[in-house]
Amino acid sequence: MLGSLFYLTIGTILLYYGAEWIVKSSVSLSEKFRLSPLVVGLTVVAFGTSLPELVVSLKAAISGSSTIAIGNVIGSNVANVGLVLGLSSLIFPVTIHFERSRRDVFIYLGVTVIFIYFIMNGLISRGEGILLFAGIIAYTWMCISHPSGKVDSVESTKTSIMWIAATFILGCITLYFGADYFVDGAIGIATKLGVSEAVIGMSVVAFGTSLPELATSVIAAFRKESAISVGNIVGSNLFNILSVLGIVAIIHPLDSPTNILHLEIPFMVGYGLVLIPLGLMKQPISRISSIGLITGYVFFIILLFR
């Protein structure tokens, strides 16, 4: 057990720093093309902070633990709204510009419906994985070519391409080893405690791979960059389904336990739908709403281990 906890801890640290370096290099690269903060949050930052989910899910699937891969994505999507948005808006004022992010929120809800349809037979096939991955390519192109709402001005960075490339490569290497340790530790704990891999994937693994989103959103809120904070959350959830599950299913078709349709999926759908009233309410997000989001996430975790 101690060995598994050690691997889990080391994996979490490596995942965090790997994603942090990738996000920094990705943002610097995007600034050279003068993209708006919302577009950066929905695409570049979202992809960077979703890399831990991708690497962990891929490692889990190849290791024969598909349920961890599925659980990781569902748990991360719940954590991104319940924990990341809840905690970020509790610490610092976060404003949802719903007129700008409305399109992306509805796209996410539509993608969620497609995801539910795919897992109803207990399997995400290679063909379905190709469809999901095609979706993320189309979505990324749409965000860049047809950005939502007003495009804010962004100053071009003076950071050199060589530094950006070196930081990105270092982040990828760190993510690889972090995922390796993290999955080994999570599977070890699940085996020792007799807890299903799906539950471990939706709780421990999902929390660990959501740390980059949490750190990025809190820092963005602190710097009064609500567009990056909110865009990161919505974009990451889209990337988790379309890119993470799409790529993993192409490489290794994923088995999905159908019992998650009764508890875990409704929570994920609910935390997607709640973005609509949150965006329509008086801004910034109130402390009461923030506490409600966090409380709901804690309740979700409790129900997983009941």
C-alpha atoms as a PDB file:
ATOM      1  CA  MET A   1       0.000   0.000   0.000  1.00  0.00           C
ATOM      2  CA  LEU A   2       2.813   2.440   0.917  1.00  0.00           C
ATOM      3  CA  GLY A   3       4.517   1.704  -2.385  1.00  0.00           C
ATOM      4  CA  SER A   4       1.318   2.446  -4.311  1.00  0.00           C
ATOM      5  CA  LEU A   5       0.792   5.707  -2.395  1.00  0.00           C
ATOM      6  CA  PHE A   6       4.392   6.682  -3.165  1.00  0.00           C
ATOM      7  CA  TYR A   7       3.868   6.046  -6.887  1.00  0.00           C
ATOM      8  CA  LEU A   8       0.586   7.964  -6.781  1.00  0.00           C
ATOM      9  CA  THR A   9       2.229  10.962  -5.096  1.00  0.00           C
ATOM     10  CA  ILE A  10       5.250  11.050  -7.406  1.00  0.00           C
ATOM     11  CA  GLY A  11       2.961  10.606 -10.408  1.00  0.00           C
ATOM     12  CA  THR A  12       0.746  13.504  -9.309  1.00  0.00           C
ATOM     13  CA  ILE A  13       3.741  15.828  -8.897  1.00  0.00           C
ATOM     14  CA  LEU A  14       5.182  14.894 -12.294  1.00  0.00           C
ATOM     15  CA  LEU A  15       1.783  15.259 -13.970  1.00  0.00           C
ATOM     16  CA  TYR A  16       1.326  18.700 -12.479  1.00  0.00           C
ATOM     17  CA  TYR A  17       4.716  20.064 -13.529  1.00  0.00           C
ATOM     18  CA  GLY A  18       4.588  18.372 -16.925  1.00  0.00           C
ATOM     19  CA  ALA A  19       1.233  19.959 -17.691  1.00  0.00           C
ATOM     20  CA  GLU A  20       2.377  23.310 -16.271  1.00  0.00           C
ATOM     21  CA  TRP A  21       5.353  23.431 -18.644  1.00  0.00           C
ATOM     22  CA  ILE A  22       3.226  22.386 -21.594  1.00  0.00           C
ATOM     23  CA  VAL A  23       0.601  25.030 -20.833  1.00  0.00           C
ATOM     24  CA  LYS A  24       3.211  27.779 -20.484  1.00  0.00           C
ATOM     25  CA  SER A  25       4.878  26.859 -23.770  1.00  0.00           C
ATOM     26  CA  SER A  26       1.515  26.473 -25.528  1.00  0.00           C
ATOM     27  CA  VAL A  27       0.264  29.862 -24.346  1.00  0.00           C
ATOM     28  CA  SER A  28       3.523  31.511 -25.430  1.00  0.00           C
ATOM     29  CA  LEU A  29       3.160  29.913 -28.858  1.00  0.00           C
ATOM     30  CA  SER A  30      -0.494  30.993 -29.179  1.00  0.00           C
ATOM     31  CA  GLU A  31       0.390  34.559 -28.218  1.00  0.00           C
ATOM     32  CA  LYS A  32       2.671  34.731 -31.227  1.00  0.00           C
ATOM     33  CA  PHE A  33      -0.445  34.268 -33.360  1.00  0.00           C
ATOM     34  CA  ARG A  34      -2.360  36.905 -31.337  1.00  0.00           C
ATOM     35  CA  LEU A  35      -5.280  34.688 -30.316  1.00  0.00           C
ATOM     36  CA  SER A  36      -7.828  35.964 -27.773  1.00  0.00           C
ATOM     37  CA  PRO A  37      -7.791  34.707 -24.141  1.00  0.00           C
ATOM     38  CA  LEU A  38     -11.083  32.832 -24.682  1.00  0.00           C
ATOM     39  CA  VAL A  39      -9.755  31.053 -27.774  1.00  0.00           C
ATOM     40  CA  VAL A  40      -6.512  30.288 -25.937  1.00  0.00           C
ATOM     41  CA  GLY A  41      -8.480  28.864 -23.016  1.00  0.00           C
ATOM     42  CA  LEU A  42     -10.799  26.781 -25.205  1.00  0.00           C
ATOM     43  CA  THR A  43      -8.032  25.322 -27.351  1.00  0.00           C
ATOM     44  CA  VAL A  44      -4.361  25.604 -26.407  1.00  0.00           C
ATOM     45  CA  VAL A  45      -4.692  25.738 -22.612  1.00  0.00           C
ATOM     46  CA  ALA A  46      -7.519  23.194 -22.644  1.00  0.00           C
ATOM     47  CA  PHE A  47      -5.415  20.790 -24.696  1.00  0.00           C
ATOM     48  CA  GLY A  48      -2.370  21.308 -22.486  1.00  0.00           C
ATOM     49  CA  THR A  49      -4.248  20.730 -19.240  1.00  0.00           C
ATOM     50  CA  SER A  50      -6.020  17.686 -20.755  1.00  0.00           C
ATOM     51  CA  LEU A  51      -2.751  15.950 -21.637  1.00  0.00           C
ATOM     52  CA  PRO A  52      -2.573  14.210 -18.220  1.00  0.00           C
ATOM     53  CA  GLU A  53      -6.004  12.675 -18.891  1.00  0.00           C
ATOM     54  CA  LEU A  54      -4.820  11.581 -22.335  1.00  0.00           C
ATOM     55  CA  VAL A  55      -1.564  10.023 -21.161  1.00  0.00           C
ATOM     56  CA  VAL A  56      -3.111   8.372 -18.087  1.00  0.00           C
ATOM     57  CA  SER A  57      -6.102   7.028 -20.044  1.00  0.00           C
ATOM     58  CA  LEU A  58      -3.869   5.688 -22.802  1.00  0.00           C
ATOM     59  CA  LYS A  59      -1.554   4.006 -20.302  1.00  0.00           C
ATOM     60  CA  ALA A  60      -4.535   2.527 -18.452  1.00  0.00           C
ATOM     61  CA  ALA A  61      -6.167   1.198 -21.623  1.00  0.00           C
ATOM     62  CA  ILE A  62      -2.964  -0.409 -22.885  1.00  0.00           C
ATOM     63  CA  SER A  63      -2.507  -1.977 -19.429  1.00  0.00           C
ATOM     64  CA  GLY A  64      -5.942  -3.581 -19.741  1.00  0.00           C
ATOM     65  CA  SER A  65      -7.713  -1.142 -17.407  1.00  0.00           C
ATOM     66  CA  SER A  66     -10.216   0.496 -19.760  1.00  0.00           C
ATOM     67  CA  THR A  67     -12.560   1.335 -16.887  1.00  0.00           C
ATOM     68  CA  ILE A  68      -9.910   3.652 -15.420  1.00  0.00           C
ATOM     69  CA  ALA A  69      -9.706   5.464 -18.773  1.00  0.00           C
ATOM     70  CA  ILE A  70     -13.484   5.948 -18.981  1.00  0.00           C
ATOM     71  CA  GLY A  71     -13.769   6.808 -15.284  1.00  0.00           C
ATOM     72  CA  ASN A  72     -10.898   9.287 -15.548  1.00  0.00           C
ATOM     73  CA  VAL A  73     -12.686  11.311 -18.235  1.00  0.00           C
ATOM     74  CA  ILE A  74     -16.066  11.304 -16.488  1.00  0.00           C
ATOM     75  CA  GLY A  75     -14.561  12.124 -13.100  1.00  0.00           C
ATOM     76  CA  SER A  76     -12.374  14.864 -14.583  1.00  0.00           C
ATOM     77  CA  ASN A  77     -15.344  16.505 -16.302  1.00  0.00           C
ATOM     78  CA  VAL A  78     -17.270  16.525 -13.028  1.00  0.00           C
ATOM     79  CA  ALA A  79     -14.214  17.807 -11.138  1.00  0.00           C
ATOM     80  CA  ASN A  80     -13.537  20.562 -13.692  1.00  0.00           C
ATOM     81  CA  VAL A  81     -16.906  22.203 -13.052  1.00  0.00           C
ATOM     82  CA  GLY A  82     -17.610  21.172  -9.458  1.00  0.00           C
ATOM     83  CA  LEU A  83     -14.138  21.510  -7.964  1.00  0.00           C
ATOM     84  CA  VAL A  84     -12.094  23.655 -10.374  1.00  0.00           C
ATOM     85  CA  LEU A  85     -14.743  26.276 -11.221  1.00  0.00           C
ATOM     86  CA  GLY A  86     -16.208  26.115  -7.713  1.00  0.00           C
ATOM     87  CA  LEU A  87     -12.894  26.613  -5.941  1.00  0.00           C
ATOM     88  CA  SER A  88     -11.597  29.207  -8.420  1.00  0.00           C
ATOM     89  CA  SER A  89     -14.729  31.360  -8.100  1.00  0.00           C
ATOM     90  CA  LEU A  90     -14.737  30.922  -4.317  1.00  0.00           C
ATOM     91  CA  ILE A  91     -11.181  32.266  -3.993  1.00  0.00           C
ATOM     92  CA  PHE A  92     -11.302  34.940  -6.716  1.00  0.00           C
ATOM     93  CA  PRO A  93     -14.196  36.583  -8.630  1.00  0.00           C
ATOM     94  CA  VAL A  94     -14.861  34.650 -11.847  1.00  0.00           C
ATOM     95  CA  THR A  95     -17.150  36.056 -14.527  1.00  0.00           C
ATOM     96  CA  ILE A  96     -18.822  33.871 -17.146  1.00  0.00           C
ATOM     97  CA  HIS A  97     -19.404  35.906 -20.310  1.00  0.00           C
ATOM     98  CA  PHE A  98     -22.251  33.674 -21.441  1.00  0.00           C
ATOM     99  CA  GLU A  99     -22.774  35.500 -24.731  1.00  0.00           C
ATOM    100  CA  ARG A 100     -19.201  34.514 -25.656  1.00  0.00           C
ATOM    101  CA  SER A 101     -19.091  30.978 -24.266  1.00  0.00           C
ATOM    102  CA  ARG A 102     -22.722  29.968 -24.981  1.00  0.00           C
ATOM    103  CA  ARG A 103     -21.876  28.259 -28.270  1.00  0.00           C
ATOM    104  CA  ASP A 104     -19.118  26.195 -26.673  1.00  0.00           C
ATOM    105  CA  VAL A 105     -21.278  25.167 -23.709  1.00  0.00           C
ATOM    106  CA  PHE A 106     -24.010  23.876 -26.029  1.00  0.00           C
ATOM    107  CA  ILE A 107     -21.445  22.070 -28.179  1.00  0.00           C
ATOM    108  CA  TYR A 108     -20.139  20.368 -25.030  1.00  0.00           C
ATOM    109  CA  LEU A 109     -23.661  19.275 -24.066  1.00  0.00           C
ATOM    110  CA  GLY A 110     -24.201  17.889 -27.565  1.00  0.00           C
ATOM    111  CA  VAL A 111     -20.898  15.994 -27.448  1.00  0.00           C
ATOM    112  CA  THR A 112     -21.925  14.572 -24.058  1.00  0.00           C
ATOM    113  CA  VAL A 113     -25.098  13.144 -25.609  1.00  0.00           C
ATOM    114  CA  ILE A 114     -23.029  11.497 -28.368  1.00  0.00           C
ATOM    115  CA  PHE A 115     -20.650  10.076 -25.751  1.00  0.00           C
ATOM    116  CA  ILE A 116     -23.569   8.580 -23.794  1.00  0.00           C
ATOM    117  CA  TYR A 117     -24.916   6.980 -26.968  1.00  0.00           C
ATOM    118  CA  PHE A 118     -21.510   5.431 -27.724  1.00  0.00           C
ATOM    119  CA  ILE A 119     -21.116   3.813 -24.280  1.00  0.00           C
ATOM    120  CA  MET A 120     -24.652   2.412 -24.024  1.00  0.00           C
ATOM    121  CA  ASN A 121     -23.510  -0.871 -25.583  1.00  0.00           C
ATOM    122  CA  GLY A 122     -20.536  -1.108 -23.198  1.00  0.00           C
ATOM    123  CA  LEU A 123     -17.856  -0.347 -25.789  1.00  0.00           C
ATOM    124  CA  ILE A 124     -16.281   2.625 -27.550  1.00  0.00           C
ATOM    125  CA  SER A 125     -15.098   1.089 -30.814  1.00  0.00           C
ATOM    126  CA  ARG A 126     -12.215   2.187 -33.002  1.00  0.00           C
ATOM    127  CA  GLY A 127     -14.673   3.667 -35.515  1.00  0.00           C
ATOM    128  CA  GLU A 128     -16.382   5.685 -32.785  1.00  0.00           C
ATOM    129  CA  GLY A 129     -12.959   6.839 -31.626  1.00  0.00           C
ATOM    130  CA  ILE A 130     -12.233   8.146 -35.132  1.00  0.00           C
ATOM    131  CA  LEU A 131     -15.525  10.073 -35.106  1.00  0.00           C
ATOM    132  CA  LEU A 132     -14.702  11.612 -31.716  1.00  0.00           C
ATOM    133  CA  PHE A 133     -11.221  12.629 -32.803  1.00  0.00           C
ATOM    134  CA  ALA A 134     -12.597  14.141 -36.018  1.00  0.00           C
ATOM    135  CA  GLY A 135     -14.877  16.180 -33.775  1.00  0.00           C
ATOM    136  CA  ILE A 136     -11.990  17.768 -31.881  1.00  0.00           C
ATOM    137  CA  ILE A 137     -10.232  18.685 -35.124  1.00  0.00           C
ATOM    138  CA  ALA A 138     -13.409  20.368 -36.400  1.00  0.00           C
ATOM    139  CA  TYR A 139     -13.993  22.115 -33.063  1.00  0.00           C
ATOM    140  CA  THR A 140     -10.433  23.470 -32.858  1.00  0.00           C
ATOM    141  CA  TRP A 141     -10.643  24.782 -36.419  1.00  0.00           C
ATOM    142  CA  MET A 142     -13.989  26.441 -35.641  1.00  0.00           C
ATOM    143  CA  CYS A 143     -12.632  28.144 -32.488  1.00  0.00           C
ATOM    144  CA  ILE A 144      -9.658  29.598 -34.337  1.00  0.00           C
ATOM    145  CA  SER A 145     -11.417  30.558 -37.584  1.00  0.00           C
ATOM    146  CA  HIS A 146     -14.729  31.655 -36.032  1.00  0.00           C
ATOM    147  CA  PRO A 147     -14.003  32.773 -32.443  1.00  0.00           C
ATOM    148  CA  SER A 148     -17.029  33.278 -30.180  1.00  0.00           C
ATOM    149  CA  GLY A 149     -18.006  36.866 -29.437  1.00  0.00           C
ATOM    150  CA  LYS A 150     -15.556  39.740 -29.290  1.00  0.00           C
ATOM    151  CA  VAL A 151     -11.920  38.913 -29.954  1.00  0.00           C
ATOM    152  CA  ASP A 152      -9.722  40.604 -27.379  1.00  0.00           C
ATOM    153  CA  SER A 153      -6.347  42.041 -28.327  1.00  0.00           C
ATOM    154  CA  VAL A 154      -3.359  39.955 -27.306  1.00  0.00           C
ATOM    155  CA  GLU A 155       0.218  41.164 -27.261  1.00  0.00           C
ATOM    156  CA  SER A 156       2.737  39.051 -29.077  1.00  0.00           C
ATOM    157  CA  THR A 157       5.214  37.295 -26.812  1.00  0.00           C
ATOM    158  CA  LYS A 158       8.965  37.847 -27.152  1.00  0.00           C
ATOM    159  CA  THR A 159       9.764  34.321 -26.004  1.00  0.00           C
ATOM    160  CA  SER A 160      11.949  32.443 -28.489  1.00  0.00           C
ATOM    161  CA  ILE A 161      10.643  29.451 -30.430  1.00  0.00           C
ATOM    162  CA  MET A 162      13.589  27.349 -29.175  1.00  0.00           C
ATOM    163  CA  TRP A 163      12.633  27.966 -25.536  1.00  0.00           C
ATOM    164  CA  ILE A 164       8.986  27.184 -26.257  1.00  0.00           C
ATOM    165  CA  ALA A 165       9.902  23.921 -28.022  1.00  0.00           C
ATOM    166  CA  ALA A 166      12.313  22.832 -25.267  1.00  0.00           C
ATOM    167  CA  THR A 167       9.732  23.525 -22.543  1.00  0.00           C
ATOM    168  CA  PHE A 168       7.048  21.629 -24.474  1.00  0.00           C
ATOM    169  CA  ILE A 169       9.263  18.560 -24.993  1.00  0.00           C
ATOM    170  CA  LEU A 170      10.321  18.549 -21.323  1.00  0.00           C
ATOM    171  CA  GLY A 171       6.669  18.744 -20.314  1.00  0.00           C
ATOM    172  CA  CYS A 172       5.764  15.782 -22.534  1.00  0.00           C
ATOM    173  CA  ILE A 173       8.557  13.633 -21.095  1.00  0.00           C
ATOM    174  CA  THR A 174       7.544  14.558 -17.542  1.00  0.00           C
ATOM    175  CA  LEU A 175       3.903  13.739 -18.323  1.00  0.00           C
ATOM    176  CA  TYR A 176       4.852  10.308 -19.643  1.00  0.00           C
ATOM    177  CA  PHE A 177       6.666   9.259 -16.496  1.00  0.00           C
ATOM    178  CA  GLY A 178       4.069  10.909 -14.287  1.00  0.00           C
ATOM    179  CA  ALA A 179       1.283   8.936 -15.964  1.00  0.00           C
ATOM    180  CA  ASP A 180       3.262   5.712 -15.627  1.00  0.00           C
ATOM    181  CA  TYR A 181       3.710   6.138 -11.862  1.00  0.00           C
ATOM    182  CA  PHE A 182       0.187   7.474 -11.348  1.00  0.00           C
ATOM    183  CA  VAL A 183      -1.643   4.600 -13.059  1.00  0.00           C
ATOM    184  CA  ASP A 184       0.512   1.973 -11.336  1.00  0.00           C
ATOM    185  CA  GLY A 185      -0.218   3.559  -7.963  1.00  0.00           C
ATOM    186  CA  ALA A 186      -3.948   3.893  -8.626  1.00  0.00           C
ATOM    187  CA  ILE A 187      -4.314   0.282  -9.767  1.00  0.00           C
ATOM    188  CA  GLY A 188      -2.302  -0.870  -6.741  1.00  0.00           C
ATOM    189  CA  ILE A 189      -4.578   1.008  -4.337  1.00  0.00           C
ATOM    190  CA  ALA A 190      -7.706  -0.310  -6.058  1.00  0.00           C
ATOM    191  CA  THR A 191      -6.430  -3.863  -5.728  1.00  0.00           C
ATOM    192  CA  LYS A 192      -5.482  -3.487  -2.047  1.00  0.00           C
ATOM    193  CA  LEU A 193      -8.749  -1.828  -1.019  1.00  0.00           C
ATOM    194  CA  GLY A 194     -10.969  -4.002  -3.166  1.00  0.00           C
ATOM    195  CA  VAL A 195     -12.376  -0.869  -4.817  1.00  0.00           C
ATOM    196  CA  SER A 196     -13.375  -1.076  -8.480  1.00  0.00           C
ATOM    197  CA  GLU A 197     -11.075   0.521 -11.029  1.00  0.00           C
ATOM    198  CA  ALA A 198     -14.000   2.629 -12.290  1.00  0.00           C
ATOM    199  CA  VAL A 199     -14.398   4.260  -8.854  1.00  0.00           C
ATOM    200  CA  ILE A 200     -10.649   4.848  -8.546  1.00  0.00           C
ATOM    201  CA  GLY A 201     -10.632   6.348 -12.040  1.00  0.00           C
ATOM    202  CA  MET A 202     -13.482   8.752 -11.250  1.00  0.00           C
ATOM    203  CA  SER A 203     -12.096   9.847  -7.884  1.00  0.00           C
ATOM    204  CA  VAL A 204      -8.344   9.548  -7.230  1.00  0.00           C
ATOM    205  CA  VAL A 205      -7.154   9.447 -10.857  1.00  0.00           C
ATOM    206  CA  ALA A 206      -9.621  12.136 -11.980  1.00  0.00           C
ATOM    207  CA  PHE A 207      -8.560  14.443  -9.154  1.00  0.00           C
ATOM    208  CA  GLY A 208      -4.880  13.969  -9.948  1.00  0.00           C
ATOM    209  CA  THR A 209      -5.297  14.652 -13.656  1.00  0.00           C
ATOM    210  CA  SER A 210      -7.503  17.695 -12.906  1.00  0.00           C
ATOM    211  CA  LEU A 211      -4.755  19.400 -10.908  1.00  0.00           C
ATOM    212  CA  PRO A 212      -3.432  21.257 -13.996  1.00  0.00           C
ATOM    213  CA  GLU A 213      -6.933  22.632 -14.711  1.00  0.00           C
ATOM    214  CA  LEU A 214      -7.273  23.667 -11.074  1.00  0.00           C
ATOM    215  CA  ALA A 215      -3.907  25.412 -10.990  1.00  0.00           C
ATOM    216  CA  THR A 216      -4.446  27.105 -14.367  1.00  0.00           C
ATOM    217  CA  SER A 217      -7.958  28.319 -13.542  1.00  0.00           C
ATOM    218  CA  VAL A 218      -7.000  29.639 -10.097  1.00  0.00           C
ATOM    219  CA  ILE A 219      -4.012  31.506 -11.534  1.00  0.00           C
ATOM    220  CA  ALA A 220      -6.143  32.861 -14.393  1.00  0.00           C
ATOM    221  CA  ALA A 221      -8.823  34.032 -11.939  1.00  0.00           C
ATOM    222  CA  PHE A 222      -6.149  35.666  -9.770  1.00  0.00           C
ATOM    223  CA  ARG A 223      -4.893  37.548 -12.830  1.00  0.00           C
ATOM    224  CA  LYS A 224      -8.499  38.549 -13.653  1.00  0.00           C
ATOM    225  CA  GLU A 225      -8.451  36.452 -16.845  1.00  0.00           C
ATOM    226  CA  SER A 226     -11.909  34.908 -16.432  1.00  0.00           C
ATOM    227  CA  ALA A 227     -12.074  34.110 -20.148  1.00  0.00           C
ATOM    228  CA  ILE A 228      -9.069  31.792 -19.847  1.00  0.00           C
ATOM    229  CA  SER A 229     -10.403  30.274 -16.622  1.00  0.00           C
ATOM    230  CA  VAL A 230     -13.877  29.468 -17.986  1.00  0.00           C
ATOM    231  CA  GLY A 231     -12.577  28.593 -21.454  1.00  0.00           C
ATOM    232  CA  ASN A 232     -10.095  26.193 -19.902  1.00  0.00           C
ATOM    233  CA  ILE A 233     -12.877  24.331 -18.088  1.00  0.00           C
ATOM    234  CA  VAL A 234     -15.316  24.060 -21.013  1.00  0.00           C
ATOM    235  CA  GLY A 235     -12.518  23.347 -23.486  1.00  0.00           C
ATOM    236  CA  SER A 236     -10.912  20.714 -21.256  1.00  0.00           C
ATOM    237  CA  ASN A 237     -14.209  18.866 -20.893  1.00  0.00           C
ATOM    238  CA  LEU A 238     -14.607  18.831 -24.665  1.00  0.00           C
ATOM    239  CA  PHE A 239     -11.027  17.677 -25.180  1.00  0.00           C
ATOM    240  CA  ASN A 240     -11.479  14.921 -22.587  1.00  0.00           C
ATOM    241  CA  ILE A 241     -14.333  13.331 -24.527  1.00  0.00           C
ATOM    242  CA  LEU A 242     -13.336  14.068 -28.115  1.00  0.00           C
ATOM    243  CA  SER A 243      -9.555  13.948 -27.962  1.00  0.00           C
ATOM    244  CA  VAL A 244      -8.714  11.733 -24.970  1.00  0.00           C
ATOM    245  CA  LEU A 245     -11.330   9.032 -25.546  1.00  0.00           C
ATOM    246  CA  GLY A 246     -11.065   9.453 -29.317  1.00  0.00           C
ATOM    247  CA  ILE A 247      -7.306   8.862 -29.477  1.00  0.00           C
ATOM    248  CA  VAL A 248      -7.345   6.087 -26.863  1.00  0.00           C
ATOM    249  CA  ALA A 249     -10.237   4.248 -28.559  1.00  0.00           C
ATOM    250  CA  ILE A 250      -8.457   4.438 -31.935  1.00  0.00           C
ATOM    251  CA  ILE A 251      -5.373   2.807 -30.422  1.00  0.00           C
ATOM    252  CA  HIS A 252      -7.254   0.450 -28.088  1.00  0.00           C
ATOM    253  CA  PRO A 253     -11.092   0.087 -28.132  1.00  0.00           C
ATOM    254  CA  LEU A 254     -12.490   0.852 -24.684  1.00  0.00           C
ATOM    255  CA  ASP A 255     -14.769  -1.335 -22.582  1.00  0.00           C
ATOM    256  CA  SER A 256     -17.246   0.783 -20.600  1.00  0.00           C
ATOM    257  CA  PRO A 257     -19.273  -0.469 -17.607  1.00  0.00           C
ATOM    258  CA  THR A 258     -22.938   0.272 -18.313  1.00  0.00           C
ATOM    259  CA  ASN A 259     -23.745   0.793 -14.619  1.00  0.00           C
ATOM    260  CA  ILE A 260     -22.132   4.260 -14.802  1.00  0.00           C
ATOM    261  CA  LEU A 261     -25.264   5.386 -16.659  1.00  0.00           C
ATOM    262  CA  HIS A 262     -27.166   5.428 -13.350  1.00  0.00           C
ATOM    263  CA  LEU A 263     -24.984   7.747 -11.207  1.00  0.00           C
ATOM    264  CA  GLU A 264     -21.773   8.972 -12.794  1.00  0.00           C
ATOM    265  CA  ILE A 265     -23.185  10.029 -16.172  1.00  0.00           C
ATOM    266  CA  PRO A 266     -26.118  11.984 -14.644  1.00  0.00           C
ATOM    267  CA  PHE A 267     -23.620  13.922 -12.495  1.00  0.00           C
ATOM    268  CA  MET A 268     -21.518  14.750 -15.550  1.00  0.00           C
ATOM    269  CA  VAL A 269     -24.594  15.884 -17.494  1.00  0.00           C
ATOM    270  CA  GLY A 270     -25.833  17.893 -14.517  1.00  0.00           C
ATOM    271  CA  TYR A 271     -22.528  19.714 -14.133  1.00  0.00           C
ATOM    272  CA  GLY A 272     -22.658  20.536 -17.838  1.00  0.00           C
ATOM    273  CA  LEU A 273     -26.200  21.890 -17.657  1.00  0.00           C
ATOM    274  CA  VAL A 274     -25.444  23.995 -14.569  1.00  0.00           C
ATOM    275  CA  LEU A 275     -23.128  26.166 -16.674  1.00  0.00           C
ATOM    276  CA  ILE A 276     -26.211  27.661 -18.358  1.00  0.00           C
ATOM    277  CA  PRO A 277     -27.908  29.148 -15.256  1.00  0.00           C
ATOM    278  CA  LEU A 278     -24.479  30.081 -13.859  1.00  0.00           C
ATOM    279  CA  GLY A 279     -23.790  32.097 -16.995  1.00  0.00           C
ATOM    280  CA  LEU A 280     -27.211  33.760 -16.968  1.00  0.00           C
ATOM    281  CA  MET A 281     -27.063  34.739 -13.298  1.00  0.00           C
ATOM    282  CA  LYS A 282     -25.595  37.991 -11.997  1.00  0.00           C
ATOM    283  CA  GLN A 283     -21.816  38.040 -12.431  1.00  0.00           C
ATOM    284  CA  PRO A 284     -19.276  37.348 -11.063  1.00  0.00           C
ATOM    285  CA  ILE A 285     -20.241  33.891  -9.778  1.00  0.00           C
ATOM    286  CA  SER A 286     -21.538  34.271  -6.225  1.00  0.00           C
ATOM    287  CA  ARG A 287     -19.913  32.631  -3.209  1.00  0.00           C
ATOM    288  CA  ILE A 288     -23.138  30.671  -2.598  1.00  0.00           C
ATOM    289  CA  SER A 289     -23.011  29.217  -6.111  1.00  0.00           C
ATOM    290  CA  SER A 290     -19.316  28.385  -5.659  1.00  0.00           C
ATOM    291  CA  ILE A 291     -20.003  26.538  -2.407  1.00  0.00           C
ATOM    292  CA  GLY A 292     -22.887  24.727  -4.103  1.00  0.00           C
ATOM    293  CA  LEU A 293     -20.595  23.497  -6.879  1.00  0.00           C
ATOM    294  CA  ILE A 294     -17.986  22.237  -4.405  1.00  0.00           C
ATOM    295  CA  THR A 295     -20.601  20.613  -2.153  1.00  0.00           C
ATOM    296  CA  GLY A 296     -22.062  18.771  -5.125  1.00  0.00           C
ATOM    297  CA  TYR A 297     -18.622  17.454  -6.049  1.00  0.00           C
ATOM    298  CA  VAL A 298     -17.963  16.230  -2.494  1.00  0.00           C
ATOM    299  CA  PHE A 299     -21.365  14.512  -2.524  1.00  0.00           C
ATOM    300  CA  PHE A 300     -20.421  12.856  -5.833  1.00  0.00           C
ATOM    301  CA  ILE A 301     -17.224  11.428  -4.327  1.00  0.00           C
ATOM    302  CA  ILE A 302     -19.086  10.180  -1.238  1.00  0.00           C
ATOM    303  CA  LEU A 303     -21.646   8.383  -3.433  1.00  0.00           C
ATOM    304  CA  LEU A 304     -18.842   6.716  -5.431  1.00  0.00           C
ATOM    305  CA  PHE A 305     -17.474   5.063  -2.272  1.00  0.00           C
ATOM    306  CA  ARG A 306     -20.834   4.251  -0.662  1.00  0.00           C
END
